[in-house]
C-alpha atoms as a PDB file:
ATOM      1  CA  MET A   1      10.565 -26.604 -57.476  1.00  0.00           C
ATOM      2  CA  GLU A   2       7.306 -24.465 -55.846  1.00  0.00           C
ATOM      3  CA  THR A   3       8.204 -21.197 -54.473  1.00  0.00           C
ATOM      4  CA  ILE A   4       5.857 -19.192 -52.135  1.00  0.00           C
ATOM      5  CA  PRO A   5       4.182 -16.044 -53.374  1.00  0.00           C
ATOM      6  CA  ALA A   6       5.514 -12.687 -51.518  1.00  0.00           C
ATOM      7  CA  ILE A   7       2.099 -12.046 -49.875  1.00  0.00           C
ATOM      8  CA  LYS A   8       1.982 -15.483 -48.204  1.00  0.00           C
ATOM      9  CA  PHE A   9       5.153 -15.335 -46.785  1.00  0.00           C
ATOM     10  CA  GLY A  10       4.903 -11.895 -45.728  1.00  0.00           C
ATOM     11  CA  THR A  11       2.026 -12.546 -43.885  1.00  0.00           C
ATOM     12  CA  SER A  12       3.524 -15.893 -42.590  1.00  0.00           C
ATOM     13  CA  LEU A  13       6.382 -13.762 -41.302  1.00  0.00           C
ATOM     14  CA  VAL A  14       4.043 -11.111 -39.385  1.00  0.00           C
ATOM     15  CA  ARG A  15       2.048 -13.927 -37.527  1.00  0.00           C
ATOM     16  CA  VAL A  16       5.019 -15.148 -36.286  1.00  0.00           C
ATOM     17  CA  VAL A  17       6.356 -12.172 -34.497  1.00  0.00           C
ATOM     18  CA  LEU A  18       3.088 -11.248 -33.176  1.00  0.00           C
ATOM     19  CA  LEU A  19       2.743 -14.966 -32.087  1.00  0.00           C
ATOM     20  CA  CYS A  20       6.748 -14.242 -30.846  1.00  0.00           C
ATOM     21  CA  LEU A  21       5.846 -10.565 -29.561  1.00  0.00           C
ATOM     22  CA  PHE A  22       2.636 -12.490 -27.395  1.00  0.00           C
ATOM     23  CA  ALA A  23       4.639 -14.966 -25.924  1.00  0.00           C
ATOM     24  CA  MET A  24       6.999 -12.503 -24.605  1.00  0.00           C
ATOM     25  CA  ALA A  25       4.119 -10.183 -23.150  1.00  0.00           C
ATOM     26  CA  LEU A  26       3.077 -13.003 -21.607  1.00  0.00           C
ATOM     27  CA  LEU A  27       6.587 -14.089 -20.082  1.00  0.00           C
ATOM     28  CA  VAL A  28       6.803 -10.060 -19.109  1.00  0.00           C
ATOM     29  CA  ALA A  29       3.550 -10.637 -17.129  1.00  0.00           C
ATOM     30  CA  ILE A  30       4.442 -13.931 -15.673  1.00  0.00           C
ATOM     31  CA  ALA A  31       7.479 -12.180 -14.272  1.00  0.00           C
ATOM     32  CA  HIS A  32       5.677  -9.012 -12.730  1.00  0.00           C
ATOM     33  CA  ALA A  33       3.191 -11.117 -11.181  1.00  0.00           C
ATOM     34  CA  GLN A  34       5.924 -12.963  -9.311  1.00  0.00           C
ATOM     35  CA  THR A  35       8.021  -9.955  -7.710  1.00  0.00           C
ATOM     36  CA  SER A  36       4.876  -7.858  -7.289  1.00  0.00           C
ATOM     37  CA  GLU A  37       4.651  -5.933  -3.949  1.00  0.00           C
ATOM     38  CA  PRO A  38       2.432  -7.334  -1.146  1.00  0.00           C
ATOM     39  CA  VAL A  39      -1.231  -6.283  -0.718  1.00  0.00           C
ATOM     40  CA  MET A  40      -1.070  -3.543   2.240  1.00  0.00           C
ATOM     41  CA  VAL A  41      -4.462  -3.081   4.480  1.00  0.00           C
ATOM     42  CA  ALA A  42      -5.025   0.388   6.868  1.00  0.00           C
ATOM     43  CA  ILE A  43      -6.083  -1.787  10.522  1.00  0.00           C
ATOM     44  CA  ALA A  44      -7.542  -0.329  13.314  1.00  0.00           C
ATOM     45  CA  HIS A  45      -8.242  -1.214  17.192  1.00  0.00           C
ATOM     46  CA  PRO A  46     -11.232  -3.098  17.050  1.00  0.00           C
ATOM     47  CA  ALA A  47     -13.001  -1.048  19.231  1.00  0.00           C
ATOM     48  CA  THR A  48     -12.982   1.829  16.536  1.00  0.00           C
ATOM     49  CA  SER A  49     -16.020   2.969  14.881  1.00  0.00           C
ATOM     50  CA  GLU A  50     -15.424   3.486  11.323  1.00  0.00           C
ATOM     51  CA  ASP A  51     -15.419   0.444   8.973  1.00  0.00           C
ATOM     52  CA  THR A  52     -14.650   2.759   5.815  1.00  0.00           C
ATOM     53  CA  ILE A  53     -12.225   5.508   5.396  1.00  0.00           C
ATOM     54  CA  PRO A  54     -12.092   8.198   2.840  1.00  0.00           C
ATOM     55  CA  ARG A  55      -8.137   8.149   1.184  1.00  0.00           C
ATOM     56  CA  SER A  56      -7.826  11.268   1.717  1.00  0.00           C
ATOM     57  CA  SER A  57      -8.860  11.067   5.599  1.00  0.00           C
ATOM     58  CA  LEU A  58      -6.568   8.262   5.710  1.00  0.00           C
ATOM     59  CA  ARG A  59      -3.566  10.443   4.357  1.00  0.00           C
ATOM     60  CA  ALA A  60      -4.652  13.383   6.596  1.00  0.00           C
ATOM     61  CA  ILE A  61      -4.262  10.507   9.757  1.00  0.00           C
ATOM     62  CA  PHE A  62      -0.734   9.069   8.125  1.00  0.00           C
ATOM     63  CA  GLY A  63       0.188  12.667   7.403  1.00  0.00           C
ATOM     64  CA  MET A  64      -0.553  13.854  11.269  1.00  0.00           C
ATOM     65  CA  ARG A  65      -3.059  16.595  10.550  1.00  0.00           C
ATOM     66  CA  LEU A  66      -5.875  14.617  11.388  1.00  0.00           C
ATOM     67  CA  GLN A  67      -6.143  13.998  14.901  1.00  0.00           C
ATOM     68  CA  LYS A  68      -9.328  12.539  15.650  1.00  0.00           C
ATOM     69  CA  TRP A  69     -11.811   9.910  14.809  1.00  0.00           C
ATOM     70  CA  PRO A  70     -15.202  11.535  13.503  1.00  0.00           C
ATOM     71  CA  ALA A  71     -16.318   9.966  17.351  1.00  0.00           C
ATOM     72  CA  GLU A  72     -13.583  12.764  18.626  1.00  0.00           C
ATOM     73  CA  THR A  73     -11.755   9.426  19.850  1.00  0.00           C
ATOM     74  CA  PRO A  74      -8.207  10.625  19.729  1.00  0.00           C
ATOM     75  CA  VAL A  75      -6.048   8.909  16.597  1.00  0.00           C
ATOM     76  CA  LYS A  76      -2.813   6.958  17.629  1.00  0.00           C
ATOM     77  CA  VAL A  77      -0.665   6.339  14.468  1.00  0.00           C
ATOM     78  CA  PHE A  78       1.498   3.068  14.525  1.00  0.00           C
ATOM     79  CA  VAL A  79       4.011   2.691  11.480  1.00  0.00           C
ATOM     80  CA  LEU A  80       7.177   0.988  10.287  1.00  0.00           C
ATOM     81  CA  ARG A  81      10.596   1.950   9.610  1.00  0.00           C
ATOM     82  CA  ASP A  82      10.971   4.131   6.706  1.00  0.00           C
ATOM     83  CA  ASP A  83      13.024   1.548   5.169  1.00  0.00           C
ATOM     84  CA  THR A  84      10.998  -1.531   5.372  1.00  0.00           C
ATOM     85  CA  LEU A  85       9.170  -2.639   1.960  1.00  0.00           C
ATOM     86  CA  GLU A  86       5.501  -2.508   4.022  1.00  0.00           C
ATOM     87  CA  HIS A  87       6.136   0.859   4.486  1.00  0.00           C
ATOM     88  CA  ALA A  88       7.348   1.856   1.061  1.00  0.00           C
ATOM     89  CA  THR A  89       4.488  -0.440  -0.287  1.00  0.00           C
ATOM     90  CA  PHE A  90       1.612   1.358   2.300  1.00  0.00           C
ATOM     91  CA  SER A  91       2.746   4.781   1.243  1.00  0.00           C
ATOM     92  CA  LYS A  92       2.571   4.451  -2.579  1.00  0.00           C
ATOM     93  CA  THR A  93      -0.086   1.848  -3.326  1.00  0.00           C
ATOM     94  CA  VAL A  94      -2.934   2.887  -0.330  1.00  0.00           C
ATOM     95  CA  LEU A  95      -2.025   6.699   0.420  1.00  0.00           C
ATOM     96  CA  GLN A  96      -0.617   7.038  -3.075  1.00  0.00           C
ATOM     97  CA  VAL A  97       1.977   9.536  -1.748  1.00  0.00           C
ATOM     98  CA  PHE A  98       5.735   8.584  -1.708  1.00  0.00           C
ATOM     99  CA  PRO A  99       6.955   7.770   1.675  1.00  0.00           C
ATOM    100  CA  HIS A 100       9.583  10.251   1.719  1.00  0.00           C
ATOM    101  CA  GLN A 101       6.433  12.590   1.624  1.00  0.00           C
ATOM    102  CA  LEU A 102       5.343  11.599   4.543  1.00  0.00           C
ATOM    103  CA  ARG A 103       8.788  11.724   6.108  1.00  0.00           C
ATOM    104  CA  MET A 104       8.803  15.878   5.006  1.00  0.00           C
ATOM    105  CA  ALA A 105       5.123  16.024   6.056  1.00  0.00           C
ATOM    106  CA  TRP A 106       6.132  14.491   9.993  1.00  0.00           C
ATOM    107  CA  ASP A 107       9.219  16.501   9.861  1.00  0.00           C
ATOM    108  CA  ARG A 108       6.976  19.853   9.398  1.00  0.00           C
ATOM    109  CA  GLN A 109       4.930  18.743  12.041  1.00  0.00           C
ATOM    110  CA  VAL A 110       7.439  18.702  14.202  1.00  0.00           C
ATOM    111  CA  PHE A 111       9.546  21.138  13.717  1.00  0.00           C
ATOM    112  CA  SER A 112       6.545  23.845  13.463  1.00  0.00           C
ATOM    113  CA  GLY A 113       5.726  22.619  16.611  1.00  0.00           C
ATOM    114  CA  GLN A 114       2.327  21.965  15.365  1.00  0.00           C
ATOM    115  CA  GLY A 115       2.880  17.827  15.914  1.00  0.00           C
ATOM    116  CA  GLN A 116       4.654  14.930  16.716  1.00  0.00           C
ATOM    117  CA  TYR A 117       5.454  11.947  14.703  1.00  0.00           C
ATOM    118  CA  PRO A 118       3.441   8.852  14.630  1.00  0.00           C
ATOM    119  CA  GLU A 119       4.788   5.505  16.834  1.00  0.00           C
ATOM    120  CA  GLN A 120       7.535   3.693  15.082  1.00  0.00           C
ATOM    121  CA  VAL A 121       7.136  -0.129  15.526  1.00  0.00           C
ATOM    122  CA  GLY A 122       9.686  -2.970  14.451  1.00  0.00           C
ATOM    123  CA  SER A 123       7.512  -5.526  13.313  1.00  0.00           C
ATOM    124  CA  THR A 124       4.452  -6.579  11.821  1.00  0.00           C
ATOM    125  CA  GLN A 125       3.589  -8.535  14.507  1.00  0.00           C
ATOM    126  CA  GLU A 126       4.319  -5.559  17.129  1.00  0.00           C
ATOM    127  CA  MET A 127       2.198  -3.316  14.699  1.00  0.00           C
ATOM    128  CA  LEU A 128      -0.805  -5.907  15.066  1.00  0.00           C
ATOM    129  CA  SER A 129      -0.265  -5.939  18.749  1.00  0.00           C
ATOM    130  CA  ARG A 130      -0.263  -1.964  19.790  1.00  0.00           C
ATOM    131  CA  VAL A 131      -2.874  -1.135  17.378  1.00  0.00           C
ATOM    132  CA  ALA A 132      -5.358  -4.272  18.776  1.00  0.00           C
ATOM    133  CA  SER A 133      -4.543  -3.267  22.286  1.00  0.00           C
ATOM    134  CA  THR A 134      -4.383   0.654  21.990  1.00  0.00           C
ATOM    135  CA  ALA A 135      -8.107   2.294  21.657  1.00  0.00           C
ATOM    136  CA  GLY A 136      -8.230   4.941  18.738  1.00  0.00           C
ATOM    137  CA  ALA A 137      -4.639   3.035  16.631  1.00  0.00           C
ATOM    138  CA  ILE A 138      -4.414   2.543  13.278  1.00  0.00           C
ATOM    139  CA  GLY A 139      -1.332   1.472  11.456  1.00  0.00           C
ATOM    140  CA  TYR A 140      -1.280  -1.330   8.273  1.00  0.00           C
ATOM    141  CA  VAL A 141       0.157  -4.734   7.261  1.00  0.00           C
ATOM    142  CA  LYS A 142       0.200  -7.166   4.832  1.00  0.00           C
ATOM    143  CA  ALA A 143      -3.360  -8.400   4.024  1.00  0.00           C
ATOM    144  CA  SER A 144      -2.392 -11.918   4.779  1.00  0.00           C
ATOM    145  CA  GLU A 145      -0.801 -11.252   8.056  1.00  0.00           C
ATOM    146  CA  VAL A 146      -4.633  -9.470   9.303  1.00  0.00           C
ATOM    147  CA  GLY A 147      -5.516 -11.088  12.701  1.00  0.00           C
ATOM    148  CA  GLN A 148      -8.728 -11.420  14.635  1.00  0.00           C
ATOM    149  CA  ASN A 149      -7.833  -8.656  16.900  1.00  0.00           C
ATOM    150  CA  VAL A 150      -7.662  -5.734  14.561  1.00  0.00           C
ATOM    151  CA  ARG A 151     -10.523  -4.251  12.280  1.00  0.00           C
ATOM    152  CA  VAL A 152      -9.456  -3.561   8.462  1.00  0.00           C
ATOM    153  CA  LEU A 153     -10.507  -0.462   7.564  1.00  0.00           C
ATOM    154  CA  LYS A 154     -12.076  -0.578   3.508  1.00  0.00           C
ATOM    155  CA  ILE A 155     -10.921   2.600   1.528  1.00  0.00           C
ATOM    156  CA  ARG A 156     -13.078   4.668  -0.650  1.00  0.00           C
END
């Protein structure tokens, strides 16, 4: 009976282990891709003169600290309920703040008498309708749900 030298056996074992690790990593990546959050975009009224917006300005608008567009048009902010997946995803991925941080900023503005809450809508369809029909409006939806009647803002 032929014996396998220890070096060949050790090398083969390392290859098998590495192959298994690679396969597991690939399975985890596929599972994550299937459960990933939706891609969210900021939308504005079609007559808005802005095509791009700095992330810091977008944060200030949704934080209710910036109340006018560069062309001096008043901003009207629309948001979904705090407990929706879309609101959480937009806050975290686009604004890069947690939803509770937005809520605290709104509460601070309202309770100090310096501002008001954004207008809350009940659905994506209502968001699209209200943003499309309100001058100076801004909101957010899934990228896959954007219609022709709103402007998608590119974030720089």
